[in-house]
Protein backbone atom coordinates (compact mmCIF):
# COMPACT_ATOMS: atom_id res chain seq x y z
CA UNK A 1 115.67 -101.36 -23.95
CA UNK A 2 113.03 -99.19 -24.63
CA UNK A 3 112.65 -95.46 -25.79
CA UNK A 4 110.96 -93.22 -23.02
CA UNK A 5 108.24 -90.64 -25.09
CA UNK A 6 109.11 -86.95 -25.59
CA UNK A 7 113.24 -87.07 -24.73
CA UNK A 8 114.58 -89.38 -27.70
CA UNK A 9 116.54 -91.20 -25.50
CA UNK A 10 116.72 -95.22 -24.44
CA UNK A 11 116.64 -96.54 -20.70
CA UNK A 12 117.37 -99.75 -19.75
CA UNK A 13 114.28 -102.00 -18.22
CA UNK A 14 115.37 -102.53 -15.13
CA UNK A 15 118.03 -101.39 -13.13
CA UNK A 16 119.55 -102.85 -9.51
CA UNK A 17 118.63 -100.94 -6.41
CA UNK A 18 119.78 -101.52 -2.79
CA UNK A 19 116.90 -101.93 -0.47
CA UNK A 20 116.15 -101.48 3.34
CA UNK A 21 114.35 -103.78 5.08
CA UNK A 22 115.57 -103.50 8.27
CA UNK A 23 118.52 -102.42 10.12
CA UNK A 24 121.11 -105.12 8.80
CA UNK A 25 118.85 -106.41 6.13
CA UNK A 26 119.64 -104.32 2.97
CA UNK A 27 118.73 -106.60 -0.26
CA UNK A 28 120.33 -105.57 -3.82
CA UNK A 29 117.19 -105.96 -6.21
CA UNK A 30 116.33 -105.82 -9.69
CA UNK A 31 113.23 -103.06 -10.27
CA UNK A 32 111.94 -101.08 -13.64
CA UNK A 33 113.03 -98.02 -14.24
CA UNK A 34 111.31 -94.93 -14.09
CA UNK A 35 109.88 -93.51 -16.81
CA UNK A 36 109.65 -89.37 -16.86
CA UNK A 37 106.64 -87.74 -17.09
CA UNK A 38 105.72 -84.26 -17.96
CA UNK A 39 108.10 -81.79 -16.06
CA UNK A 40 110.19 -84.68 -14.81
CA UNK A 41 113.53 -86.02 -15.45
CA UNK A 42 115.78 -89.17 -14.91
CA UNK A 43 119.41 -89.13 -13.58
CA UNK A 44 121.73 -92.02 -13.77
CA UNK A 45 123.09 -92.23 -10.06
CA UNK A 46 126.54 -91.64 -10.78
CA UNK A 47 127.85 -91.39 -6.47
CA UNK A 48 125.52 -90.96 -3.51
CA UNK A 49 127.04 -90.68 -0.26
CA UNK A 50 126.48 -92.90 2.80
CA UNK A 51 125.16 -90.00 5.28
CA UNK A 52 125.18 -90.45 9.37
CA UNK A 53 121.16 -89.85 9.57
CA UNK A 54 121.14 -93.38 7.25
CA UNK A 55 122.68 -94.94 10.35
CA UNK A 56 120.31 -94.20 12.96
CA UNK A 57 118.57 -97.48 13.20
CA UNK A 58 115.33 -96.07 14.84
CA UNK A 59 115.15 -93.97 12.10
CA UNK A 60 115.55 -96.11 9.19
CA UNK A 61 113.39 -98.97 10.41
CA UNK A 62 110.63 -96.91 10.61
CA UNK A 63 111.06 -96.11 7.18
CA UNK A 64 111.57 -99.45 5.39
CA UNK A 65 111.47 -100.80 3.07
CA UNK A 66 113.39 -98.06 1.82
CA UNK A 67 115.93 -97.57 -0.97
CA UNK A 68 117.72 -94.86 1.07
CA UNK A 69 120.33 -92.18 -0.15
CA UNK A 70 119.45 -88.75 0.01
CA UNK A 71 123.15 -87.17 -1.78
CA UNK A 72 122.78 -87.92 -5.06
CA UNK A 73 125.15 -86.68 -8.23
CA UNK A 74 124.29 -87.86 -11.50
CA UNK A 75 123.36 -87.75 -15.59
CA UNK A 76 120.39 -86.40 -16.64
CA UNK A 77 119.40 -89.69 -18.80
CA UNK A 78 116.27 -88.90 -20.06
CA UNK A 79 113.34 -85.92 -19.26
CA UNK A 80 109.48 -85.62 -20.05
CA UNK A 81 107.88 -83.00 -22.09
CA UNK A 82 107.97 -78.96 -20.79
CA UNK A 83 111.50 -79.48 -19.52
CA UNK A 84 112.98 -76.45 -19.64
CA UNK A 85 115.73 -76.30 -16.80
CA UNK A 86 117.98 -79.29 -17.70
CA UNK A 87 119.00 -81.47 -20.81
CA UNK A 88 119.66 -85.31 -21.58
CA UNK A 89 123.24 -85.71 -20.54
CA UNK A 90 123.76 -82.68 -17.95
CA UNK A 91 125.82 -83.41 -15.13
CA UNK A 92 123.84 -82.44 -12.54
CA UNK A 93 123.36 -82.36 -8.20
CA UNK A 94 119.66 -83.80 -7.14
CA UNK A 95 117.85 -82.57 -3.52
CA UNK A 96 116.02 -85.35 -2.46
CA UNK A 97 113.04 -82.67 -1.13
CA UNK A 98 112.23 -79.21 -2.54
CA UNK A 99 109.59 -76.77 -0.94
CA UNK A 100 106.90 -75.06 -2.36
CA UNK A 101 108.40 -71.29 -2.12
CA UNK A 102 104.91 -69.73 -1.27
CA UNK A 103 103.37 -71.19 2.12
CA UNK A 104 104.51 -69.35 5.41
CA UNK A 105 106.94 -71.77 6.45
CA UNK A 106 109.12 -70.78 2.92
CA UNK A 107 108.66 -67.65 3.58
CA UNK A 108 110.62 -67.89 6.94
CA UNK A 109 112.87 -69.92 5.04
CA UNK A 110 111.92 -73.32 6.86
CA UNK A 111 112.43 -75.44 4.51
CA UNK A 112 111.74 -78.72 5.90
CA UNK A 113 108.73 -77.41 6.98
CA UNK A 114 107.46 -76.99 3.80
CA UNK A 115 104.36 -79.37 3.22
CA UNK A 116 105.23 -79.98 -0.38
CA UNK A 117 109.20 -80.58 0.50
CA UNK A 118 108.38 -83.04 2.92
CA UNK A 119 105.71 -84.84 0.52
CA UNK A 120 108.65 -84.73 -2.04
CA UNK A 121 111.31 -87.02 -2.98
CA UNK A 122 113.30 -88.40 -5.45
CA UNK A 123 112.00 -92.22 -6.33
CA UNK A 124 113.26 -95.10 -5.18
CA UNK A 125 116.07 -93.21 -3.88
CA UNK A 126 119.68 -92.60 -4.48
CA UNK A 127 121.16 -95.99 -3.49
CA UNK A 128 119.76 -97.30 -6.77
CA UNK A 129 120.87 -96.96 -10.99
CA UNK A 130 118.20 -94.40 -11.87
CA UNK A 131 115.91 -92.36 -9.65
CA UNK A 132 112.78 -90.38 -11.07
CA UNK A 133 113.45 -86.65 -10.45
CA UNK A 134 109.70 -84.94 -9.96
CA UNK A 135 109.19 -81.88 -10.94
CA UNK A 136 109.32 -79.53 -8.37
CA UNK A 137 112.37 -81.14 -7.46
CA UNK A 138 113.87 -80.69 -11.01
CA UNK A 139 112.61 -76.99 -11.34
CA UNK A 140 113.66 -76.06 -7.35
CA UNK A 141 116.99 -77.82 -6.60
CA UNK A 142 118.25 -79.96 -9.24
CA UNK A 143 121.48 -77.93 -10.32
CA UNK A 144 124.16 -78.56 -12.91
CA UNK A 145 127.54 -79.18 -12.21
CA UNK A 146 130.79 -77.53 -13.43
CA UNK A 147 132.81 -79.57 -16.13
CA UNK A 148 135.65 -79.79 -13.09
CA UNK A 149 133.68 -81.05 -10.36
CA UNK A 150 133.97 -84.94 -10.03
CA UNK A 151 130.31 -86.72 -8.92
CA UNK A 152 131.92 -87.96 -5.39
CA UNK A 153 132.78 -83.72 -4.44
CA UNK A 154 129.35 -83.01 -5.64
CA UNK A 155 127.85 -85.90 -3.25
CA UNK A 156 129.05 -83.53 -0.36
CA UNK A 157 126.60 -80.69 -1.91
CA UNK A 158 123.49 -81.94 0.22
CA UNK A 159 125.52 -82.36 3.50
CA UNK A 160 127.67 -79.03 3.53
CA UNK A 161 124.33 -77.34 2.74
CA UNK A 162 123.25 -78.67 5.71
CA UNK A 163 126.15 -77.60 7.51
CA UNK A 164 125.73 -73.75 6.04
CA UNK A 165 121.97 -73.90 7.40
CA UNK A 166 122.53 -75.01 11.28
CA UNK A 167 126.04 -72.37 11.52
CA UNK A 168 124.33 -69.60 9.46
CA UNK A 169 120.51 -69.96 9.55
CA UNK A 170 119.65 -71.39 12.70
CA UNK A 171 123.09 -70.80 14.52
CA UNK A 172 122.97 -67.22 13.49
CA UNK A 173 126.65 -67.66 13.55
CA UNK A 174 128.24 -63.42 12.57
CA UNK A 175 131.75 -62.82 11.55
CA UNK A 176 133.90 -62.83 14.70
CA UNK A 177 132.03 -65.02 16.93
CA UNK A 178 133.68 -68.32 17.97
CA UNK A 179 132.46 -71.50 17.29
CA UNK A 180 132.91 -75.33 19.42
CA UNK A 181 131.75 -78.56 17.39
CA UNK A 182 130.90 -81.59 19.30
CA UNK A 183 131.50 -84.79 16.74
CA UNK A 184 133.82 -84.75 14.39
CA UNK A 185 132.79 -86.97 11.87
CA UNK A 186 131.95 -85.99 8.29
CA UNK A 187 129.58 -83.30 9.20
CA UNK A 188 131.37 -81.87 11.98
CA UNK A 189 134.61 -81.45 9.58
CA UNK A 190 132.37 -79.82 7.35
CA UNK A 191 130.99 -77.41 10.28
CA UNK A 192 134.82 -76.50 11.16
CA UNK A 193 135.56 -75.46 7.86
CA UNK A 194 132.18 -73.70 6.66
CA UNK A 195 132.45 -71.67 10.68
CA UNK A 196 135.69 -70.77 9.02
CA UNK A 197 134.21 -69.49 5.79
CA UNK A 198 131.93 -67.83 7.42
CA UNK A 199 134.16 -65.57 9.67
CA UNK A 200 134.27 -68.00 12.64
CA UNK A 201 137.11 -65.91 14.97
CA UNK A 202 138.05 -69.38 17.06
CA UNK A 203 136.53 -72.95 16.36
CA UNK A 204 137.26 -75.56 18.78
CA UNK A 205 135.84 -79.32 18.18
CA UNK A 206 135.53 -82.09 20.37
CA UNK A 207 135.87 -86.05 19.17
CA UNK A 208 137.08 -89.14 20.83
CA UNK A 209 138.92 -90.34 17.88
CA UNK A 210 142.44 -89.36 17.02
CA UNK A 211 142.62 -89.55 13.45
CA UNK A 212 139.09 -87.07 13.61
CA UNK A 213 140.51 -84.20 15.53
CA UNK A 214 143.78 -84.43 13.34
CA UNK A 215 141.50 -83.84 10.37
CA UNK A 216 139.99 -81.37 12.17
CA UNK A 217 142.90 -79.23 12.75
CA UNK A 218 143.64 -79.50 8.81
CA UNK A 219 140.17 -77.76 8.38
CA UNK A 220 140.46 -74.93 10.55
CA UNK A 221 140.04 -76.17 14.32
CA UNK A 222 142.19 -74.19 16.92
CA UNK A 223 142.08 -76.33 19.52
CA UNK A 224 140.82 -79.69 19.19
CA UNK A 225 139.86 -81.89 22.39
CA UNK A 226 139.60 -85.32 23.21
CA UNK A 227 136.52 -85.93 26.00
CA UNK A 228 138.05 -88.64 27.35
CA UNK A 229 141.16 -87.05 28.60
CA UNK A 230 140.54 -83.40 28.89
CA UNK A 231 138.08 -81.03 30.50
CA UNK A 232 136.21 -79.82 27.36
CA UNK A 233 134.52 -77.02 28.67
CA UNK A 234 137.70 -75.44 30.45
CA UNK A 235 139.66 -75.98 26.77
CA UNK A 236 137.23 -74.07 25.18
CA UNK A 237 136.60 -71.42 27.65
CA UNK A 238 140.44 -71.02 27.40
CA UNK A 239 140.39 -70.68 23.75
CA UNK A 240 137.69 -67.78 23.93
CA UNK A 241 139.12 -65.56 26.54
CA UNK A 242 137.24 -67.29 29.29
CA UNK A 243 133.89 -66.99 27.55
CA UNK A 244 132.88 -70.15 26.00
CA UNK A 245 131.65 -70.69 22.86
CA UNK A 246 129.14 -68.02 21.04
CA UNK A 247 127.63 -71.02 18.68
CA UNK A 248 127.85 -74.59 19.79
CA UNK A 249 126.95 -77.33 17.37
CA UNK A 250 126.11 -80.36 18.58
CA UNK A 251 126.39 -83.63 15.80
CA UNK A 252 125.94 -86.51 17.87
CA UNK A 253 122.24 -87.53 18.37
CA UNK A 254 122.99 -88.09 22.16
CA UNK A 255 121.82 -86.73 25.19
CA UNK A 256 125.35 -86.62 26.90
CA UNK A 257 126.85 -84.38 23.62
CA UNK A 258 124.01 -82.28 24.20
CA UNK A 259 124.73 -81.78 27.63
CA UNK A 260 128.43 -81.61 26.74
CA UNK A 261 127.55 -78.47 24.26
CA UNK A 262 125.42 -76.77 26.39
CA UNK A 263 128.68 -76.83 29.27
CA UNK A 264 131.00 -75.29 26.63
CA UNK A 265 128.37 -72.38 25.62
CA UNK A 266 129.02 -68.75 26.37
CA UNK A 267 126.83 -66.91 28.24
CA UNK A 268 123.83 -65.93 25.53
CA UNK A 269 125.14 -68.41 23.56
CA UNK A 270 123.48 -70.79 21.08
CA UNK A 271 123.53 -74.50 21.41
CA UNK A 272 122.31 -76.29 17.88
CA UNK A 273 121.37 -79.95 17.83
CA UNK A 274 121.95 -81.21 14.42
CA UNK A 275 121.21 -84.98 14.75
CA UNK A 276 117.71 -86.13 16.55
CA UNK A 277 117.83 -88.34 20.03
CA UNK A 278 115.59 -91.38 19.47
CA UNK A 279 111.75 -90.91 20.14
CA UNK A 280 112.58 -92.91 23.47
CA UNK A 281 115.37 -91.06 25.01
CA UNK A 282 114.48 -88.22 26.95
CA UNK A 283 117.20 -85.12 27.43
CA UNK A 284 117.55 -84.12 30.78
CA UNK A 285 119.08 -80.83 32.21
CA UNK A 286 119.01 -77.91 34.72
CA UNK A 287 116.82 -75.27 32.95
CA UNK A 288 117.87 -72.92 35.45
CA UNK A 289 121.44 -73.28 33.96
CA UNK A 290 119.67 -71.83 30.96
CA UNK A 291 118.18 -69.62 32.33
CA UNK A 292 120.57 -67.65 34.17
CA UNK A 293 123.02 -67.99 31.33
CA UNK A 294 120.69 -67.08 28.75
CA UNK A 295 121.37 -70.34 26.54
CA UNK A 296 119.31 -70.58 23.31
CA UNK A 297 118.78 -74.22 22.67
CA UNK A 298 117.17 -74.92 19.18
CA UNK A 299 117.69 -77.56 16.60
CA UNK A 300 118.48 -77.43 12.61
CA UNK A 301 117.25 -80.06 9.95
CA UNK A 302 118.04 -80.31 6.68
CA UNK A 303 118.67 -77.42 4.00
CA UNK A 304 117.06 -75.79 1.27
CA UNK A 305 117.45 -74.16 -2.12
CA UNK A 306 120.02 -71.07 -1.00
CA UNK A 307 121.72 -73.80 0.99
CA UNK A 308 122.33 -76.01 -1.93
CA UNK A 309 123.66 -73.14 -4.42
CA UNK A 310 126.18 -71.99 -2.02
CA UNK A 311 127.14 -75.06 -0.62
CA UNK A 312 128.27 -75.64 -4.88
CA UNK A 313 129.80 -72.72 -4.84
CA UNK A 314 132.42 -73.52 -2.04
CA UNK A 315 132.87 -77.18 -3.41
CA UNK A 316 133.28 -75.71 -6.91
CA UNK A 317 136.11 -73.14 -5.82
CA UNK A 318 137.81 -75.44 -3.78
CA UNK A 319 137.07 -73.59 -0.63
CA UNK A 320 135.54 -76.89 0.62
CA UNK A 321 137.83 -79.77 0.08
CA UNK A 322 135.99 -83.06 0.64
CA UNK A 323 138.36 -85.27 -0.68
CA UNK A 324 140.32 -85.98 2.98
CA UNK A 325 136.60 -87.00 4.26
CA UNK A 326 135.94 -89.98 1.57
CA UNK A 327 137.71 -93.23 3.19
CA UNK A 328 135.68 -95.94 1.50
CA UNK A 329 134.34 -96.15 -2.18
CA UNK A 330 131.86 -98.91 -2.58
CA UNK A 331 128.70 -100.68 -5.19
CA UNK A 332 125.59 -101.23 -4.17
CA UNK A 333 126.36 -104.43 -2.64
CA UNK A 334 128.74 -102.70 -0.17
CA UNK A 335 125.58 -100.51 1.50
CA UNK A 336 125.57 -103.10 4.46
CA UNK A 337 128.78 -102.92 5.73
CA UNK A 338 128.93 -99.22 4.84
CA UNK A 339 125.98 -98.49 7.03
CA UNK A 340 128.06 -100.96 9.65
CA UNK A 341 131.02 -98.55 9.50
CA UNK A 342 129.19 -95.43 9.55
CA UNK A 343 127.05 -96.38 12.98
CA UNK A 344 130.56 -97.64 14.76
CA UNK A 345 132.32 -94.53 13.47
CA UNK A 346 134.95 -96.37 11.38
CA UNK A 347 136.23 -94.14 8.66
CA UNK A 348 134.77 -91.20 7.75
CA UNK A 349 132.61 -90.87 4.63
CA UNK A 350 132.12 -93.67 2.04
CA UNK A 351 130.63 -92.94 -1.17
CA UNK A 352 128.68 -95.33 -3.04
CA UNK A 353 129.11 -95.75 -7.16
CA UNK A 354 125.41 -97.39 -7.88
CA UNK A 355 127.00 -98.42 -11.28
CA UNK A 356 130.42 -99.97 -10.37
């Protein structure tokens, strides 16, 4: 153990992390515990969710070697000089990026296109026993948790905030509009619930897996569809008085899912791609169909400080209950299996508790 200057607390000298070297090659390693500099903090990670993006093999391979994990929650273990926003012992959510707040992109709330946002990150990542929180993230998007909120629930702050961004900011959802969700994994199910919270009149969803369709009904879907058995566009049309959905959220990064989303959209509808396609996979569609139906096809990437605060409020109030989504809990040694389960769409959500 060693004493950290200016914080009056002790941190261990080393910690365990789960470092990915390539898809299927995750190693639990030991590395030094980071020390906070001025304006920084070190957080002991109590829980971190496995995101669907963590299972995009092409995406994580180009980052490797890397400690994944961007849905962390934990306890402030040490602070550097001039830290005013948190204290040692605070229970917190930590965003993995934070914007500058002053650039043209931030003025338009395009947080994930802010250069500061893209350059910032927690070190080494959320799948570690401790993480260093840079000054910008600590100030802009590190939030104290209510005493009543457990750490597993807090890992849903970032995912729910991303869903809020897709529905509200990028999707422009208005009260009384209809929403269709393609893919009912953890994010699709959160989309279903948040669409209801934002005032959607009709919410439909589509997924090949029966347990996910059943959960969607519990989260507020009016109709759920098995694409293998039914015509999705027809079911959505019947649920929306023949129009189709005003807003379609496409969760899988798959061209077929995007095309199915376009088919389910109403005239003048908006289709949001929530997950990127692999760089070498083209999206081929009939532009004339988009043109004559006046369909908008756009993207939504991550979230920012305004969305995380609203997400925290919904989780704290119980308006979003993430407990039914948690199907596995493990430690750092379980990360490989968790990634494989996520890729194979087995279960819904895995939470990793690095200290267990």
